[in-house]
Protein backbone atom coordinates (compact mmCIF):
# COMPACT_ATOMS: atom_id res chain seq x y z
CA MET A 1 0.00 0.00 0.00
CA VAL A 2 2.81 2.36 0.81
CA THR A 3 4.52 1.59 -2.49
CA THR A 4 1.29 2.20 -4.41
CA ALA A 5 0.64 5.49 -2.62
CA THR A 6 4.23 6.61 -3.22
CA THR A 7 3.94 5.75 -6.91
CA ALA A 8 0.67 7.70 -7.21
CA VAL A 9 2.28 10.74 -5.59
CA ILE A 10 5.26 10.56 -7.94
CA VAL A 11 2.99 10.28 -11.01
CA ALA A 12 0.86 13.21 -9.85
CA GLU A 13 3.94 15.36 -9.23
CA THR A 14 5.36 14.42 -12.65
CA SER A 15 2.08 15.26 -14.38
CA ALA A 16 1.88 18.59 -12.58
CA ALA A 17 5.46 19.40 -13.59
CA HIS A 18 4.72 18.75 -17.27
CA ARG A 19 1.27 20.36 -17.27
CA PRO A 20 1.08 23.48 -19.51
CA THR A 21 1.00 26.69 -17.56
CA TYR A 22 -1.23 28.45 -20.11
CA ALA A 23 -4.99 28.08 -20.43
CA THR A 24 -7.36 28.76 -23.27
CA PRO A 25 -8.99 32.13 -22.57
CA VAL A 26 -12.77 32.20 -22.43
CA ARG A 27 -14.07 35.40 -24.02
CA PRO A 28 -17.68 36.53 -23.82
CA GLN A 29 -19.54 36.86 -27.10
CA THR A 30 -20.02 40.56 -27.79
CA LEU A 31 -21.61 42.47 -30.63
CA ARG A 32 -18.18 43.63 -31.81
CA ARG A 33 -16.98 40.05 -32.16
CA THR A 34 -20.20 39.10 -33.92
CA ILE A 35 -19.72 41.94 -36.40
CA HIS A 36 -16.14 40.78 -37.00
CA SER A 37 -17.37 37.25 -37.63
CA GLU A 38 -20.06 38.42 -40.06
CA TRP A 39 -17.50 40.57 -41.87
CA ILE A 40 -15.25 37.54 -42.33
CA LYS A 41 -18.17 35.55 -43.76
CA PHE A 42 -19.18 38.42 -46.01
CA ARG A 43 -15.78 39.22 -47.48
CA THR A 44 -14.73 35.60 -48.02
CA LEU A 45 -17.73 34.86 -50.23
CA ARG A 46 -17.13 35.50 -53.92
CA SER A 47 -20.82 36.27 -54.41
CA SER A 48 -20.53 39.29 -52.10
CA TRP A 49 -17.96 41.00 -54.30
CA ILE A 50 -19.76 40.00 -57.49
CA GLY A 51 -23.02 41.44 -56.18
CA LEU A 52 -21.50 44.74 -55.07
CA ALA A 53 -19.46 45.07 -58.27
CA SER A 54 -22.61 44.47 -60.32
CA VAL A 55 -24.39 47.30 -58.52
CA ALA A 56 -21.55 49.75 -59.17
CA PHE A 57 -21.23 48.62 -62.80
CA VAL A 58 -24.95 49.03 -63.49
CA LEU A 59 -25.00 52.51 -61.97
CA VAL A 60 -22.06 53.76 -64.06
CA ALA A 61 -22.70 51.84 -67.29
CA LEU A 62 -26.36 52.79 -67.61
CA ALA A 63 -25.57 56.39 -66.73
CA ALA A 64 -23.06 56.51 -69.57
CA ALA A 65 -25.48 54.85 -72.00
CA ALA A 66 -28.44 57.08 -71.10
CA SER A 67 -26.30 60.21 -71.29
CA ALA A 68 -24.90 59.16 -74.67
CA VAL A 69 -28.42 58.63 -76.01
CA SER A 70 -29.53 61.98 -74.62
CA ALA A 71 -26.53 63.74 -76.15
CA GLY A 72 -27.20 62.14 -79.53
CA ALA A 73 -24.01 60.07 -79.56
CA ILE A 74 -26.07 56.87 -79.80
CA THR A 75 -28.97 56.46 -82.21
CA PRO A 76 -32.07 54.70 -80.85
CA PRO A 77 -32.62 51.13 -82.09
CA ASP A 78 -35.57 52.08 -84.34
CA GLY A 79 -33.29 54.25 -86.46
CA GLY A 80 -35.16 57.45 -85.60
CA PRO A 81 -33.68 60.73 -84.43
CA PRO A 82 -31.53 60.72 -81.29
CA VAL A 83 -33.33 60.95 -78.01
CA GLY A 84 -32.48 64.29 -76.48
CA GLY A 85 -32.90 68.00 -76.79
CA ALA A 86 -36.43 69.30 -76.61
CA GLY A 87 -37.92 65.85 -77.06
CA PHE A 88 -36.16 64.39 -74.09
CA SER A 89 -38.47 64.40 -71.06
CA MET A 90 -35.92 63.54 -68.37
CA GLY A 91 -33.71 66.11 -66.71
CA PRO A 92 -29.93 65.74 -66.58
CA LEU A 93 -29.93 64.40 -63.03
CA GLU A 94 -32.60 61.79 -63.78
CA THR A 95 -30.67 60.81 -66.91
CA VAL A 96 -27.37 60.11 -65.18
CA LEU A 97 -29.12 58.22 -62.37
CA THR A 98 -31.06 55.95 -64.73
CA GLY A 99 -29.08 52.94 -63.56
CA ALA A 100 -30.30 53.40 -59.99
CA ASN A 101 -33.61 51.74 -60.87
CA PHE A 102 -31.76 48.57 -61.83
CA ALA A 103 -29.31 48.92 -58.94
CA VAL A 104 -32.28 48.91 -56.55
CA LEU A 105 -33.43 45.62 -58.06
CA LEU A 106 -29.96 44.07 -57.88
CA LEU A 107 -29.21 45.11 -54.31
CA GLY A 108 -32.67 44.07 -53.14
CA VAL A 109 -32.10 40.59 -54.57
CA PHE A 110 -28.57 40.52 -53.17
CA GLY A 111 -29.87 41.45 -49.72
CA ALA A 112 -32.53 38.73 -49.85
CA LEU A 113 -29.86 36.18 -50.76
CA ALA A 114 -27.59 37.38 -47.94
CA GLY A 115 -30.42 37.02 -45.42
CA ALA A 116 -31.88 33.68 -46.50
CA ARG A 117 -28.93 31.64 -47.77
CA GLU A 118 -27.80 30.45 -44.32
CA PHE A 119 -31.25 28.97 -43.72
CA GLY A 120 -31.10 27.08 -47.00
CA SER A 121 -27.63 25.69 -46.35
CA GLY A 122 -28.22 24.95 -42.66
CA MET A 123 -25.31 27.16 -41.58
CA ILE A 124 -27.66 29.21 -39.44
CA THR A 125 -27.50 26.42 -36.85
CA ALA A 126 -23.76 26.95 -36.43
CA SER A 127 -24.29 30.70 -36.24
CA VAL A 128 -26.81 30.55 -33.40
CA MET A 129 -24.64 28.03 -31.52
CA ALA A 130 -21.68 30.42 -31.74
CA VAL A 131 -23.81 33.47 -30.89
CA PRO A 132 -26.48 32.57 -28.30
CA ARG A 133 -27.86 36.11 -28.38
CA ARG A 134 -29.60 35.75 -31.70
CA SER A 135 -30.48 39.41 -32.00
CA GLN A 136 -26.76 40.13 -32.38
CA ILE A 137 -26.69 38.03 -35.56
CA VAL A 138 -29.31 40.18 -37.28
CA ILE A 139 -27.74 43.43 -36.05
CA ALA A 140 -24.28 42.35 -37.18
CA LYS A 141 -25.53 41.21 -40.60
CA ALA A 142 -27.38 44.49 -41.10
CA LEU A 143 -24.37 46.60 -40.11
CA VAL A 144 -21.91 44.70 -42.29
CA PHE A 145 -24.22 44.49 -45.29
CA GLY A 146 -25.50 48.06 -44.91
CA ALA A 147 -22.05 49.62 -44.55
CA SER A 148 -20.62 47.69 -47.51
CA SER A 149 -23.63 48.49 -49.69
CA LEU A 150 -23.65 52.17 -48.76
CA VAL A 151 -19.97 52.60 -49.69
CA VAL A 152 -20.51 50.93 -53.07
CA ALA A 153 -23.73 52.87 -53.69
CA VAL A 154 -22.09 56.22 -52.92
CA VAL A 155 -19.12 55.45 -55.16
CA GLY A 156 -21.48 54.23 -57.89
CA VAL A 157 -23.82 57.24 -57.90
CA LEU A 158 -20.94 59.71 -57.77
CA GLY A 159 -19.21 57.89 -60.62
CA ALA A 160 -22.46 57.84 -62.58
CA PHE A 161 -22.95 61.56 -61.94
CA TRP A 162 -19.49 62.64 -63.09
CA ILE A 163 -19.33 60.35 -66.12
CA GLY A 164 -22.89 61.10 -67.18
CA MET A 165 -22.55 64.85 -66.80
CA GLY A 166 -19.27 64.74 -68.73
CA ILE A 167 -20.98 62.98 -71.65
CA LEU A 168 -23.92 65.40 -71.56
CA SER A 169 -21.58 68.39 -71.50
CA ALA A 170 -19.57 67.05 -74.43
CA GLY A 171 -22.80 66.63 -76.39
CA GLY A 172 -23.95 70.16 -75.72
CA GLN A 173 -26.79 69.12 -73.40
CA ALA A 174 -27.87 70.83 -70.20
CA THR A 175 -26.01 69.78 -67.07
CA VAL A 176 -26.09 70.48 -63.35
CA GLY A 177 -23.31 70.76 -60.81
CA LEU A 178 -22.96 68.64 -57.73
CA MET A 179 -23.05 71.74 -55.53
CA ASP A 180 -26.15 73.18 -57.17
CA ALA A 181 -29.24 73.54 -55.00
CA GLY A 182 -30.59 70.13 -54.01
CA VAL A 183 -28.34 68.11 -56.34
CA LEU A 184 -26.00 66.66 -53.72
CA ARG A 185 -28.97 65.73 -51.54
CA GLN A 186 -30.63 63.86 -54.38
CA VAL A 187 -27.45 62.09 -55.47
CA LEU A 188 -26.60 60.89 -51.96
CA GLY A 189 -30.29 60.27 -51.30
CA MET A 190 -30.34 57.82 -54.19
CA ALA A 191 -27.40 55.96 -52.61
CA VAL A 192 -29.29 55.84 -49.32
CA TYR A 193 -32.42 54.52 -51.06
CA VAL A 194 -30.49 51.77 -52.86
CA THR A 195 -28.90 50.73 -49.56
CA ALA A 196 -32.25 50.81 -47.76
CA VAL A 197 -33.79 48.46 -50.31
CA GLY A 198 -30.87 46.08 -49.81
CA LEU A 199 -31.48 46.12 -46.05
CA ILE A 200 -35.19 45.49 -46.61
CA GLY A 201 -34.26 42.47 -48.73
CA LEU A 202 -31.88 41.27 -46.00
CA GLY A 203 -34.57 41.56 -43.33
CA LEU A 204 -37.15 39.77 -45.48
CA GLY A 205 -34.63 37.00 -46.18
CA ILE A 206 -34.19 36.36 -42.45
CA LEU A 207 -37.89 36.81 -41.74
CA LEU A 208 -39.18 34.50 -44.50
CA ARG A 209 -36.18 32.10 -44.52
CA SER A 210 -36.70 31.53 -48.23
CA VAL A 211 -34.59 32.90 -51.07
CA ALA A 212 -37.44 32.81 -53.59
CA GLY A 213 -40.02 34.18 -51.16
CA SER A 214 -37.85 37.05 -49.94
CA ILE A 215 -36.83 38.03 -53.49
CA GLY A 216 -40.46 38.02 -54.57
CA ALA A 217 -41.54 40.05 -51.54
CA THR A 218 -38.76 42.60 -52.06
CA ILE A 219 -39.39 43.10 -55.76
CA GLY A 220 -43.15 43.07 -55.30
CA GLY A 221 -43.17 45.50 -52.39
CA ILE A 222 -40.65 47.95 -53.81
CA LEU A 223 -41.34 47.89 -57.56
CA VAL A 224 -44.59 46.13 -58.44
CA VAL A 225 -47.00 47.36 -55.75
CA PRO A 226 -46.23 51.10 -56.16
CA ALA A 227 -46.53 50.86 -59.96
CA PHE A 228 -49.88 49.08 -59.88
CA ALA A 229 -51.14 51.28 -57.06
CA SER A 230 -50.50 54.40 -59.14
CA LEU A 231 -52.38 52.91 -62.10
CA LEU A 232 -55.31 51.27 -60.37
CA LEU A 233 -56.10 53.33 -57.28
CA PRO A 234 -57.85 56.72 -57.42
CA ASP A 235 -56.11 59.96 -56.54
CA SER A 236 -57.81 59.97 -53.15
CA TRP A 237 -55.33 57.26 -52.10
CA SER A 238 -52.30 59.52 -52.69
CA PRO A 239 -52.00 60.61 -49.03
CA ILE A 240 -51.62 56.92 -48.10
CA LEU A 241 -49.44 55.85 -51.02
CA ARG A 242 -46.83 58.47 -50.20
CA PHE A 243 -45.84 56.38 -47.17
CA LEU A 244 -44.69 53.43 -49.30
CA PRO A 245 -40.88 52.93 -49.29
CA SER A 246 -40.35 54.09 -52.88
CA SER A 247 -42.72 57.04 -52.44
CA ALA A 248 -40.94 58.06 -49.24
CA ALA A 249 -37.62 57.96 -51.09
CA ALA A 250 -39.10 60.14 -53.86
CA ALA A 251 -39.10 62.98 -51.32
CA PHE A 252 -35.30 63.23 -51.33
CA ALA A 253 -34.13 61.30 -54.42
CA PRO A 254 -35.14 61.13 -58.12
CA VAL A 255 -37.32 58.04 -57.60
CA GLN A 256 -40.68 57.34 -59.22
CA GLY A 257 -43.12 56.97 -56.33
CA ALA A 258 -46.78 56.02 -56.16
CA GLY A 259 -49.44 58.68 -56.09
CA SER A 260 -49.28 62.38 -56.83
CA GLU A 261 -48.34 63.60 -53.35
CA VAL A 262 -44.80 63.57 -51.94
CA LEU A 263 -43.58 63.99 -48.38
CA SER A 264 -41.00 66.55 -47.37
CA PRO A 265 -37.37 65.35 -47.62
CA GLY A 266 -36.92 64.99 -43.87
CA VAL A 267 -40.20 63.16 -43.31
CA GLY A 268 -39.52 60.93 -46.32
CA ALA A 269 -36.15 59.90 -44.89
CA ILE A 270 -37.76 59.12 -41.52
CA VAL A 271 -40.52 57.03 -43.13
CA LEU A 272 -37.99 55.03 -45.14
CA ALA A 273 -35.88 54.47 -42.01
CA VAL A 274 -38.98 53.26 -40.15
CA TRP A 275 -39.66 50.73 -42.93
CA VAL A 276 -36.11 49.38 -42.68
CA LEU A 277 -36.13 49.23 -38.88
CA ALA A 278 -39.57 47.58 -38.78
CA ILE A 279 -38.55 44.80 -41.14
CA LEU A 280 -35.24 44.25 -39.33
CA CYS A 281 -37.06 44.14 -35.98
CA GLY A 282 -39.38 41.53 -37.46
CA ALA A 283 -36.33 39.56 -38.54
CA VAL A 284 -34.93 39.74 -35.00
CA ALA A 285 -38.23 38.56 -33.50
CA SER A 286 -38.44 35.71 -36.00
CA LEU A 287 -34.91 34.51 -35.31
CA VAL A 288 -35.31 34.76 -31.53
CA ARG A 289 -38.69 33.09 -31.24
CA ARG A 290 -38.53 30.41 -33.93
CA ASP A 291 -36.39 27.29 -34.11
CA VAL A 292 -33.67 27.16 -36.76
């Protein structure tokens, strides 16, 4: 018994002598770390860069094409006279921001994919295991996606503005300056609107957990419903239609909204922000309350 006890003591002392002195640190999961994790996921996906590059390309390319048509450098497909001059109904700012209508569609679809793809692949299970506070996942996704989209949208609309105005000026068409009254607000407002639609798509992707469903809801709610509402509903509905997302954005950006009435720029920005926050809050509630 003494020999056994002595041997056990020797083994214990030897193990203690060779035991590592360091220990793996246990760090609490914070929102900052969640944002860092979402940024790693976002930037390591090729689709993220393709989607953002497509938005910037559409903004600049369509601005150049529309400005060239307006300036008469490109003949319309039917062989008729160039679109421009007195017969051209769009102003110079609307012309150079023509691509924003397609950029809204692209970023809305991209946001829906970013929100719903983890549910389709099953990776959302790993995300909620790593981040027990599920609300942080939605907040981090929205911050990463929104910041990245806003940077690309601002660069895209400014590039579209300068290139488009340069083409219009070379063709002898009317132009406006970025520092002219209301121009900078509308240019940056268009970037904000494009980003807001992307965030709405992201929230719907998390809320509906379906790529097809969230894309359909985003396109239908942003593009289809306002267009049909303007055509089918009487003018008495205009006070209500002006609170739709696209109509709210029409208050501070060259966007075609529903109805004949438009909010003031400040109120329009608040209404659009409320739409984004409401959908993201719904996404948070869905992720917190429902199983994944």
